[in-house]
Amino acid sequence: MAAIKAGKLRQLHRGNFADRGARSILQPPPHRRDHAQCLRRRRWNRAHAVNAAIAAVYKARRRSGIEIVEDWLPSAVSFFTPRLAALSLFHLSLRAATRLWEAAVVLVVTVYFVLGLGLLTLRYAVLPNAQQFRPWLEQASSSALGLPVHIGAIRTQWHGLMPQFALQDVRIDGPQGQPALQFALVQAAPSWKSLTRLTLTFDQLVIRGADLTVTQSDPDHLDIGGIRFALAGGKSGAAQQFADWLFAQDEVLILDSRLTWVNAARHAPPLPLTHVNLLLRNSLLTHRAALSAQPPAAFGGPIDLRASFRQPLFTRHTADFAQWKGTLYGLVQDVDLAALQQQLPLQLPLSTQSGRGRCAPGRRWTAASPPG
């Protein structure tokens, strides 16, 4: 039994050794297995280290970018904020300018068509029937002059872009209702300024064949056809309104007329003048006048008067003569000096009893020394 057990043990031991040999043939030796595991472990560690390094680099880059943005953000904001504000302001200004330009274009086009329609209506509807609008024209003229105006007949014609009126038998009544000024023919060219001034204004007024009487009742007043004008200062009233309107017209012409000058302040006899031509030109601040007339032969030769005056910019009345400043110049050939001194509204420096000669008086007119 003992021998059998010993034989079996030997077989088992051999079998174990056989199994071990087979296994040793199929598997690498232990030291080799450990070496492969070490290589795999090293490779994994290296890959992990590389991935960690890459992640660290990306993370460092992200952090550095944020830090750079954080560092440069205040300076960038301070640099771009005024420029963005200026750009925004420029954009708003450009939009506002565009809107204003569009509004201006619309306004110009609207005014153009309105004026065109008005001119067409005036030319083809109003002017052919001007006689029917005579009461309206009388009322408008009376409102502008401040005195009643009567018109006998109206003739119209078209010249350029504005109509022209020929008014016949024109009569202007005085403040008391008496006939003051009468004109056989008045030619009038309306002005575009009537639209802005909201009153009847003319580019040119031409009066032919008038017969006027001008009286100086005292040193401070002048009567023209019964209408009393104050020379010392602007006053309210119909006469002052008429004077303001007269000196607001661009040009007034009186041609081939008669004028009778009466110096009642010096008790001088009336002085009739014929072939009277008067030119009056007015602008915003200046007034210029020129008069030529023929007196009687006993008085002297032709009379030539020139005047140039300037008024203040801010004044209540246009015809406030006391506020005017300028010069007045006259020339008379072969004149009776005694008669001339009696007719002049101002005193000559020398007293003359008789004699004839050439006289060219002149005077500077200021607010402190009005004529008289």
Protein backbone atom coordinates (compact mmCIF):
# COMPACT_ATOMS: atom_id res chain seq x y z
CA MET A 1 0.00 0.00 0.00
CA ALA A 2 2.80 2.25 0.84
CA ALA A 3 4.44 1.48 -2.48
CA ILE A 4 1.24 2.25 -4.36
CA LYS A 5 0.81 5.59 -2.61
CA ALA A 6 4.38 6.50 -3.33
CA GLY A 7 3.94 5.69 -7.03
CA LYS A 8 0.82 7.79 -7.25
CA LEU A 9 2.52 10.68 -5.56
CA ARG A 10 5.31 10.44 -8.06
CA GLN A 11 2.81 10.42 -10.98
CA LEU A 12 0.96 13.37 -9.52
CA HIS A 13 4.19 15.19 -9.03
CA ARG A 14 5.15 14.44 -12.62
CA GLY A 15 1.75 15.49 -13.86
CA ASN A 16 2.03 18.72 -12.04
CA PHE A 17 5.37 19.28 -13.57
CA ALA A 18 3.89 18.48 -17.01
CA ASP A 19 1.07 20.96 -16.50
CA ARG A 20 3.53 23.49 -15.34
CA GLY A 21 5.63 22.93 -18.44
CA ALA A 22 2.67 23.33 -20.73
CA ARG A 23 1.67 26.48 -18.98
CA SER A 24 5.19 27.78 -19.12
CA ILE A 25 5.28 27.16 -22.83
CA LEU A 26 1.96 29.04 -23.46
CA GLN A 27 2.66 31.96 -21.11
CA PRO A 28 5.72 34.21 -20.93
CA PRO A 29 7.92 34.01 -17.97
CA PRO A 30 6.96 36.00 -14.91
CA HIS A 31 9.68 38.57 -15.38
CA ARG A 32 8.49 39.21 -18.93
CA ARG A 33 4.91 39.59 -17.83
CA ASP A 34 5.91 42.17 -15.28
CA HIS A 35 7.93 44.04 -17.91
CA ALA A 36 4.91 44.27 -20.28
CA GLN A 37 2.71 45.50 -17.51
CA CYS A 38 5.29 48.12 -16.67
CA LEU A 39 5.40 49.24 -20.31
CA ARG A 40 1.64 49.54 -20.48
CA ARG A 41 1.59 51.39 -17.22
CA ARG A 42 4.33 53.76 -18.43
CA ARG A 43 2.51 54.38 -21.71
CA TRP A 44 -0.71 55.13 -19.86
CA ASN A 45 1.10 57.41 -17.48
CA ARG A 46 2.78 59.18 -20.36
CA ALA A 47 -0.53 59.63 -22.21
CA HIS A 48 -2.17 60.82 -19.02
CA ALA A 49 0.68 63.22 -18.44
CA VAL A 50 0.47 64.52 -22.00
CA ASN A 51 -3.30 64.96 -21.74
CA ALA A 52 -2.90 66.67 -18.41
CA ALA A 53 -0.21 68.93 -19.86
CA ILE A 54 -2.38 69.78 -22.85
CA ALA A 55 -5.35 70.51 -20.57
CA ALA A 56 -3.14 72.62 -18.38
CA VAL A 57 -1.85 74.54 -21.39
CA TYR A 58 -5.39 75.20 -22.67
CA LYS A 59 -6.53 76.14 -19.21
CA ALA A 60 -3.56 78.45 -18.83
CA ARG A 61 -4.32 79.98 -22.20
CA ARG A 62 -7.96 80.55 -21.27
CA ARG A 63 -6.98 82.07 -18.01
CA SER A 64 -4.40 84.31 -19.60
CA GLY A 65 -6.98 85.47 -22.23
CA ILE A 66 -9.47 86.34 -19.53
CA GLU A 67 -6.80 88.14 -17.58
CA ILE A 68 -5.76 90.03 -20.72
CA VAL A 69 -9.38 91.01 -21.37
CA GLU A 70 -9.78 92.03 -17.74
CA ASP A 71 -6.59 94.06 -17.91
CA TRP A 72 -7.43 95.80 -21.19
CA LEU A 73 -11.17 96.19 -20.68
CA PRO A 74 -11.06 99.49 -18.71
CA SER A 75 -8.64 101.09 -21.13
CA ALA A 76 -10.66 99.82 -24.10
CA VAL A 77 -13.86 101.15 -22.58
CA SER A 78 -12.23 104.51 -21.86
CA PHE A 79 -10.86 104.58 -25.42
CA PHE A 80 -14.00 103.56 -27.28
CA THR A 81 -16.69 105.18 -25.09
CA PRO A 82 -16.19 108.79 -26.32
CA ARG A 83 -15.78 107.57 -29.87
CA LEU A 84 -18.94 105.50 -29.65
CA ALA A 85 -20.72 108.49 -28.09
CA ALA A 86 -19.45 110.75 -30.87
CA LEU A 87 -20.50 108.17 -33.44
CA SER A 88 -23.93 107.93 -31.85
CA LEU A 89 -24.23 111.71 -31.73
CA PHE A 90 -23.13 111.93 -35.36
CA HIS A 91 -25.69 109.28 -36.26
CA LEU A 92 -28.44 111.18 -34.45
CA SER A 93 -27.34 114.45 -36.05
CA LEU A 94 -27.32 112.79 -39.45
CA ARG A 95 -30.82 111.47 -38.88
CA ALA A 96 -32.02 114.87 -37.70
CA ALA A 97 -30.39 116.56 -40.70
CA THR A 98 -32.02 114.03 -42.99
CA ARG A 99 -35.41 114.67 -41.45
CA LEU A 100 -34.93 118.43 -41.72
CA TRP A 101 -33.83 118.09 -45.32
CA GLU A 102 -36.88 115.97 -46.14
CA ALA A 103 -39.14 118.49 -44.39
CA ALA A 104 -37.50 121.38 -46.25
CA VAL A 105 -37.92 119.60 -49.58
CA VAL A 106 -41.58 118.90 -48.82
CA LEU A 107 -42.09 122.52 -47.74
CA VAL A 108 -40.40 123.91 -50.86
CA VAL A 109 -42.40 121.64 -53.15
CA THR A 110 -45.63 122.53 -51.34
CA VAL A 111 -44.92 126.27 -51.50
CA TYR A 112 -43.96 125.92 -55.17
CA PHE A 113 -47.22 124.27 -56.10
CA VAL A 114 -49.29 126.59 -53.89
CA LEU A 115 -47.67 129.68 -55.44
CA GLY A 116 -48.04 128.20 -58.91
CA LEU A 117 -51.71 127.53 -58.31
CA GLY A 118 -52.13 131.01 -56.86
CA LEU A 119 -50.43 132.66 -59.84
CA LEU A 120 -52.55 130.68 -62.30
CA THR A 121 -55.70 131.61 -60.40
CA LEU A 122 -54.62 135.25 -60.25
CA ARG A 123 -53.79 135.44 -63.95
CA TYR A 124 -56.69 133.54 -65.46
CA ALA A 125 -59.46 134.02 -62.88
CA VAL A 126 -58.84 137.26 -60.97
CA LEU A 127 -57.21 139.65 -63.44
CA PRO A 128 -59.78 139.24 -66.23
CA ASN A 129 -62.43 140.18 -63.65
CA ALA A 130 -60.38 142.83 -61.82
CA GLN A 131 -63.18 145.37 -61.95
CA GLN A 132 -65.29 143.08 -59.77
CA PHE A 133 -62.55 143.09 -57.12
CA ARG A 134 -62.40 146.90 -56.98
CA PRO A 135 -64.23 147.13 -53.59
CA TRP A 136 -61.79 144.64 -52.09
CA LEU A 137 -58.80 146.60 -53.45
CA GLU A 138 -60.23 149.84 -52.06
CA GLN A 139 -60.66 148.21 -48.66
CA ALA A 140 -57.14 146.73 -48.69
CA SER A 141 -55.64 150.08 -49.74
CA SER A 142 -57.61 151.94 -47.08
CA SER A 143 -56.42 149.49 -44.40
CA ALA A 144 -52.79 149.85 -45.51
CA LEU A 145 -52.81 153.66 -45.82
CA GLY A 146 -55.06 154.36 -42.86
CA LEU A 147 -57.14 156.74 -44.99
CA PRO A 148 -60.21 156.14 -47.20
CA VAL A 149 -59.21 155.27 -50.78
CA HIS A 150 -61.55 155.40 -53.77
CA ILE A 151 -60.75 153.95 -57.21
CA GLY A 152 -62.71 154.80 -60.35
CA ALA A 153 -61.56 151.99 -62.65
CA ILE A 154 -58.93 149.24 -62.83
CA ARG A 155 -56.95 148.01 -65.81
CA THR A 156 -54.60 145.07 -65.46
CA GLN A 157 -51.80 143.46 -67.38
CA TRP A 158 -49.31 140.68 -66.70
CA HIS A 159 -45.57 141.44 -66.54
CA GLY A 160 -43.09 138.72 -65.60
CA LEU A 161 -44.34 136.83 -62.56
CA MET A 162 -46.40 139.66 -61.13
CA PRO A 163 -49.43 141.61 -62.36
CA GLN A 164 -49.49 145.34 -62.90
CA PHE A 165 -52.44 147.57 -62.17
CA ALA A 166 -53.44 150.87 -63.75
CA LEU A 167 -55.77 152.68 -61.36
CA GLN A 168 -57.82 155.55 -62.77
CA ASP A 169 -59.42 158.42 -60.84
CA VAL A 170 -57.82 157.61 -57.51
CA ARG A 171 -58.90 159.72 -54.55
CA ILE A 172 -57.55 159.65 -51.01
CA ASP A 173 -59.67 161.35 -48.36
CA GLY A 174 -58.25 163.14 -45.34
CA PRO A 175 -58.80 162.21 -41.69
CA GLN A 176 -61.92 164.43 -41.59
CA GLY A 177 -63.33 162.84 -44.74
CA GLN A 178 -62.50 165.71 -47.11
CA PRO A 179 -60.87 164.92 -50.51
CA ALA A 180 -57.13 165.25 -49.92
CA LEU A 181 -55.22 163.71 -52.82
CA GLN A 182 -56.56 163.08 -56.32
CA PHE A 183 -54.68 161.30 -59.11
CA ALA A 184 -55.87 160.75 -62.63
CA LEU A 185 -53.68 157.67 -63.16
CA VAL A 186 -51.66 155.49 -60.79
CA GLN A 187 -49.62 152.56 -62.07
CA ALA A 188 -48.80 149.99 -59.42
CA ALA A 189 -46.63 146.85 -59.45
CA PRO A 190 -47.30 144.68 -56.37
CA SER A 191 -44.36 143.27 -54.43
CA TRP A 192 -43.72 139.77 -53.11
CA LYS A 193 -43.01 141.44 -49.76
CA SER A 194 -46.76 141.73 -49.31
CA LEU A 195 -46.81 138.01 -48.40
CA THR A 196 -44.36 138.44 -45.50
CA ARG A 197 -45.57 141.85 -44.32
CA LEU A 198 -49.26 140.88 -44.58
CA THR A 199 -50.03 144.30 -46.02
CA LEU A 200 -50.29 145.75 -49.51
CA THR A 201 -46.77 146.65 -50.71
CA PHE A 202 -45.56 147.75 -54.14
CA ASP A 203 -42.28 147.44 -55.96
CA GLN A 204 -43.10 150.62 -57.85
CA LEU A 205 -45.78 153.27 -57.73
CA VAL A 206 -45.95 155.66 -60.69
CA ILE A 207 -48.19 158.74 -60.49
CA ARG A 208 -48.62 160.96 -63.52
CA GLY A 209 -50.26 164.36 -63.81
CA ALA A 210 -50.80 164.94 -60.11
CA ASP A 211 -51.73 168.33 -58.68
CA LEU A 212 -50.49 168.64 -55.10
CA THR A 213 -50.53 171.40 -52.52
CA VAL A 214 -47.91 171.22 -49.79
CA THR A 215 -48.27 173.62 -46.87
CA GLN A 216 -45.93 174.17 -43.94
CA SER A 217 -48.28 175.54 -41.33
CA ASP A 218 -45.63 175.56 -38.58
CA PRO A 219 -42.04 174.39 -38.24
CA ASP A 220 -43.11 170.96 -36.90
CA HIS A 221 -45.89 170.03 -39.33
CA LEU A 222 -46.39 169.60 -43.06
CA ASP A 223 -49.80 169.41 -44.75
CA ILE A 224 -50.13 167.55 -48.04
CA GLY A 225 -53.60 167.86 -49.48
CA GLY A 226 -55.06 168.36 -46.02
CA ILE A 227 -53.21 165.41 -44.46
CA ARG A 228 -51.10 166.69 -41.57
CA PHE A 229 -47.70 165.04 -41.01
CA ALA A 230 -45.59 165.59 -37.90
CA LEU A 231 -41.92 166.42 -38.55
CA ALA A 232 -40.81 166.59 -34.93
CA GLY A 233 -41.54 162.96 -34.05
CA GLY A 234 -43.63 159.91 -34.81
CA LYS A 235 -47.21 160.10 -33.60
CA SER A 236 -50.11 157.72 -33.79
CA GLY A 237 -52.93 158.39 -36.20
CA ALA A 238 -54.06 157.98 -39.77
CA ALA A 239 -51.52 160.48 -41.13
CA GLN A 240 -48.65 158.67 -39.41
CA GLN A 241 -49.86 155.31 -40.74
CA PHE A 242 -50.03 156.74 -44.26
CA ALA A 243 -46.49 158.13 -43.93
CA ASP A 244 -45.18 154.79 -42.63
CA TRP A 245 -46.79 153.00 -45.55
CA LEU A 246 -45.45 155.51 -48.09
CA PHE A 247 -41.85 155.21 -46.90
CA ALA A 248 -42.12 151.41 -46.85
CA GLN A 249 -42.65 151.18 -50.62
CA ASP A 250 -39.61 150.30 -52.69
CA GLU A 251 -40.01 153.09 -55.24
CA VAL A 252 -42.42 155.98 -55.73
CA LEU A 253 -42.38 158.08 -58.91
CA ILE A 254 -44.32 161.28 -59.49
CA LEU A 255 -43.96 162.46 -63.09
CA ASP A 256 -45.15 165.52 -65.04
CA SER A 257 -47.08 166.92 -62.11
CA ARG A 258 -47.86 170.27 -60.52
CA LEU A 259 -47.00 171.26 -56.96
CA THR A 260 -47.90 174.39 -55.04
CA TRP A 261 -45.63 175.18 -52.10
CA VAL A 262 -47.11 177.34 -49.33
CA ASN A 263 -44.90 178.45 -46.45
CA ALA A 264 -47.61 179.64 -44.08
CA ALA A 265 -45.17 179.74 -41.17
CA ARG A 266 -43.41 182.72 -42.83
CA HIS A 267 -46.51 184.13 -44.49
CA ALA A 268 -44.96 183.72 -47.93
CA PRO A 269 -47.03 183.81 -51.11
CA PRO A 270 -47.76 180.43 -52.77
CA LEU A 271 -45.03 179.19 -55.07
CA PRO A 272 -46.41 177.18 -58.02
CA LEU A 273 -44.06 174.61 -59.53
CA THR A 274 -44.55 172.87 -62.84
CA HIS A 275 -42.90 169.87 -64.52
CA VAL A 276 -42.44 168.32 -61.13
CA ASN A 277 -40.64 164.97 -61.08
CA LEU A 278 -40.08 163.23 -57.77
CA LEU A 279 -38.22 159.96 -57.18
CA LEU A 280 -38.38 158.28 -53.77
CA ARG A 281 -36.49 155.06 -53.10
CA ASN A 282 -36.73 153.25 -49.79
CA SER A 283 -34.93 150.28 -48.33
CA LEU A 284 -34.85 148.78 -44.87
CA LEU A 285 -32.83 151.59 -43.29
CA THR A 286 -32.20 154.19 -46.02
CA HIS A 287 -34.41 156.68 -47.83
CA ARG A 288 -33.29 158.66 -50.87
CA ALA A 289 -35.23 161.32 -52.75
CA ALA A 290 -34.65 163.54 -55.78
CA LEU A 291 -36.94 166.35 -56.94
CA SER A 292 -36.75 168.55 -60.00
CA ALA A 293 -39.23 171.34 -60.78
CA GLN A 294 -39.63 174.52 -62.74
CA PRO A 295 -40.65 177.62 -60.75
CA PRO A 296 -42.00 180.85 -62.25
CA ALA A 297 -39.50 182.87 -64.26
CA ALA A 298 -39.63 185.72 -61.75
CA PHE A 299 -38.50 183.37 -59.01
CA GLY A 300 -35.57 181.72 -60.76
CA GLY A 301 -34.35 178.82 -62.81
CA PRO A 302 -34.96 175.07 -62.36
CA ILE A 303 -34.93 173.66 -58.83
CA ASP A 304 -32.99 170.50 -58.00
CA LEU A 305 -33.30 168.96 -54.52
CA ARG A 306 -31.52 165.81 -53.27
CA ALA A 307 -31.91 164.07 -49.93
CA SER A 308 -30.39 160.97 -48.35
CA PHE A 309 -31.45 159.82 -44.90
CA ARG A 310 -30.91 156.83 -42.65
CA GLN A 311 -33.19 155.61 -39.90
CA PRO A 312 -32.43 153.46 -36.82
CA LEU A 313 -32.90 149.73 -37.07
CA PHE A 314 -35.32 149.47 -34.17
CA THR A 315 -37.98 152.13 -34.39
CA ARG A 316 -41.71 152.11 -33.89
CA HIS A 317 -42.56 154.18 -36.96
CA THR A 318 -40.77 154.10 -40.29
CA ALA A 319 -41.61 157.77 -40.93
CA ASP A 320 -40.36 159.05 -37.57
CA PHE A 321 -38.45 161.95 -39.12
CA ALA A 322 -37.02 163.05 -35.78
CA GLN A 323 -34.97 159.82 -35.67
CA TRP A 324 -33.60 160.19 -39.20
CA LYS A 325 -30.06 161.31 -39.96
CA GLY A 326 -28.76 162.45 -43.33
CA THR A 327 -28.16 165.33 -45.68
CA LEU A 328 -30.39 167.65 -47.72
CA TYR A 329 -28.99 169.46 -50.75
CA GLY A 330 -30.57 171.95 -53.15
CA LEU A 331 -29.54 173.86 -56.25
CA VAL A 332 -31.35 176.82 -57.84
CA GLN A 333 -30.00 178.74 -60.85
CA ASP A 334 -30.53 182.49 -61.28
CA VAL A 335 -32.84 182.76 -58.28
CA ASP A 336 -34.31 185.78 -56.52
CA LEU A 337 -32.49 185.44 -53.21
CA ALA A 338 -35.03 187.47 -51.23
CA ALA A 339 -37.93 185.36 -52.51
CA LEU A 340 -35.95 182.18 -51.94
CA GLN A 341 -35.20 183.09 -48.34
CA GLN A 342 -38.89 183.70 -47.76
CA GLN A 343 -39.89 180.32 -49.20
CA LEU A 344 -37.25 178.12 -47.59
CA PRO A 345 -38.25 176.08 -44.54
CA LEU A 346 -34.83 176.87 -43.03
CA GLN A 347 -33.00 180.13 -42.31
CA LEU A 348 -30.13 181.18 -44.55
CA PRO A 349 -26.96 182.36 -42.79
CA LEU A 350 -27.24 185.82 -44.48
CA SER A 351 -30.19 188.15 -44.67
CA THR A 352 -30.79 189.24 -48.29
CA GLN A 353 -33.08 192.10 -49.28
CA SER A 354 -32.68 191.81 -53.05
CA GLY A 355 -30.48 190.30 -55.74
CA ARG A 356 -30.26 187.26 -57.95
CA GLY A 357 -27.72 184.51 -58.16
CA ARG A 358 -26.97 180.84 -57.93
CA CYS A 359 -27.85 179.25 -54.62
CA ALA A 360 -26.82 175.77 -53.46
CA PRO A 361 -27.83 175.44 -49.81
CA GLY A 362 -27.17 172.24 -47.94
CA ARG A 363 -27.92 171.03 -44.46
CA ARG A 364 -27.06 168.03 -42.38
CA TRP A 365 -30.15 166.57 -40.79
CA THR A 366 -29.82 164.87 -37.41
CA ALA A 367 -32.22 163.83 -34.70
CA ALA A 368 -31.13 166.83 -32.64
CA SER A 369 -31.76 169.34 -35.46
CA PRO A 370 -34.89 168.49 -37.46
CA PRO A 371 -35.87 170.86 -40.19
CA GLY A 372 -37.85 173.87 -39.31
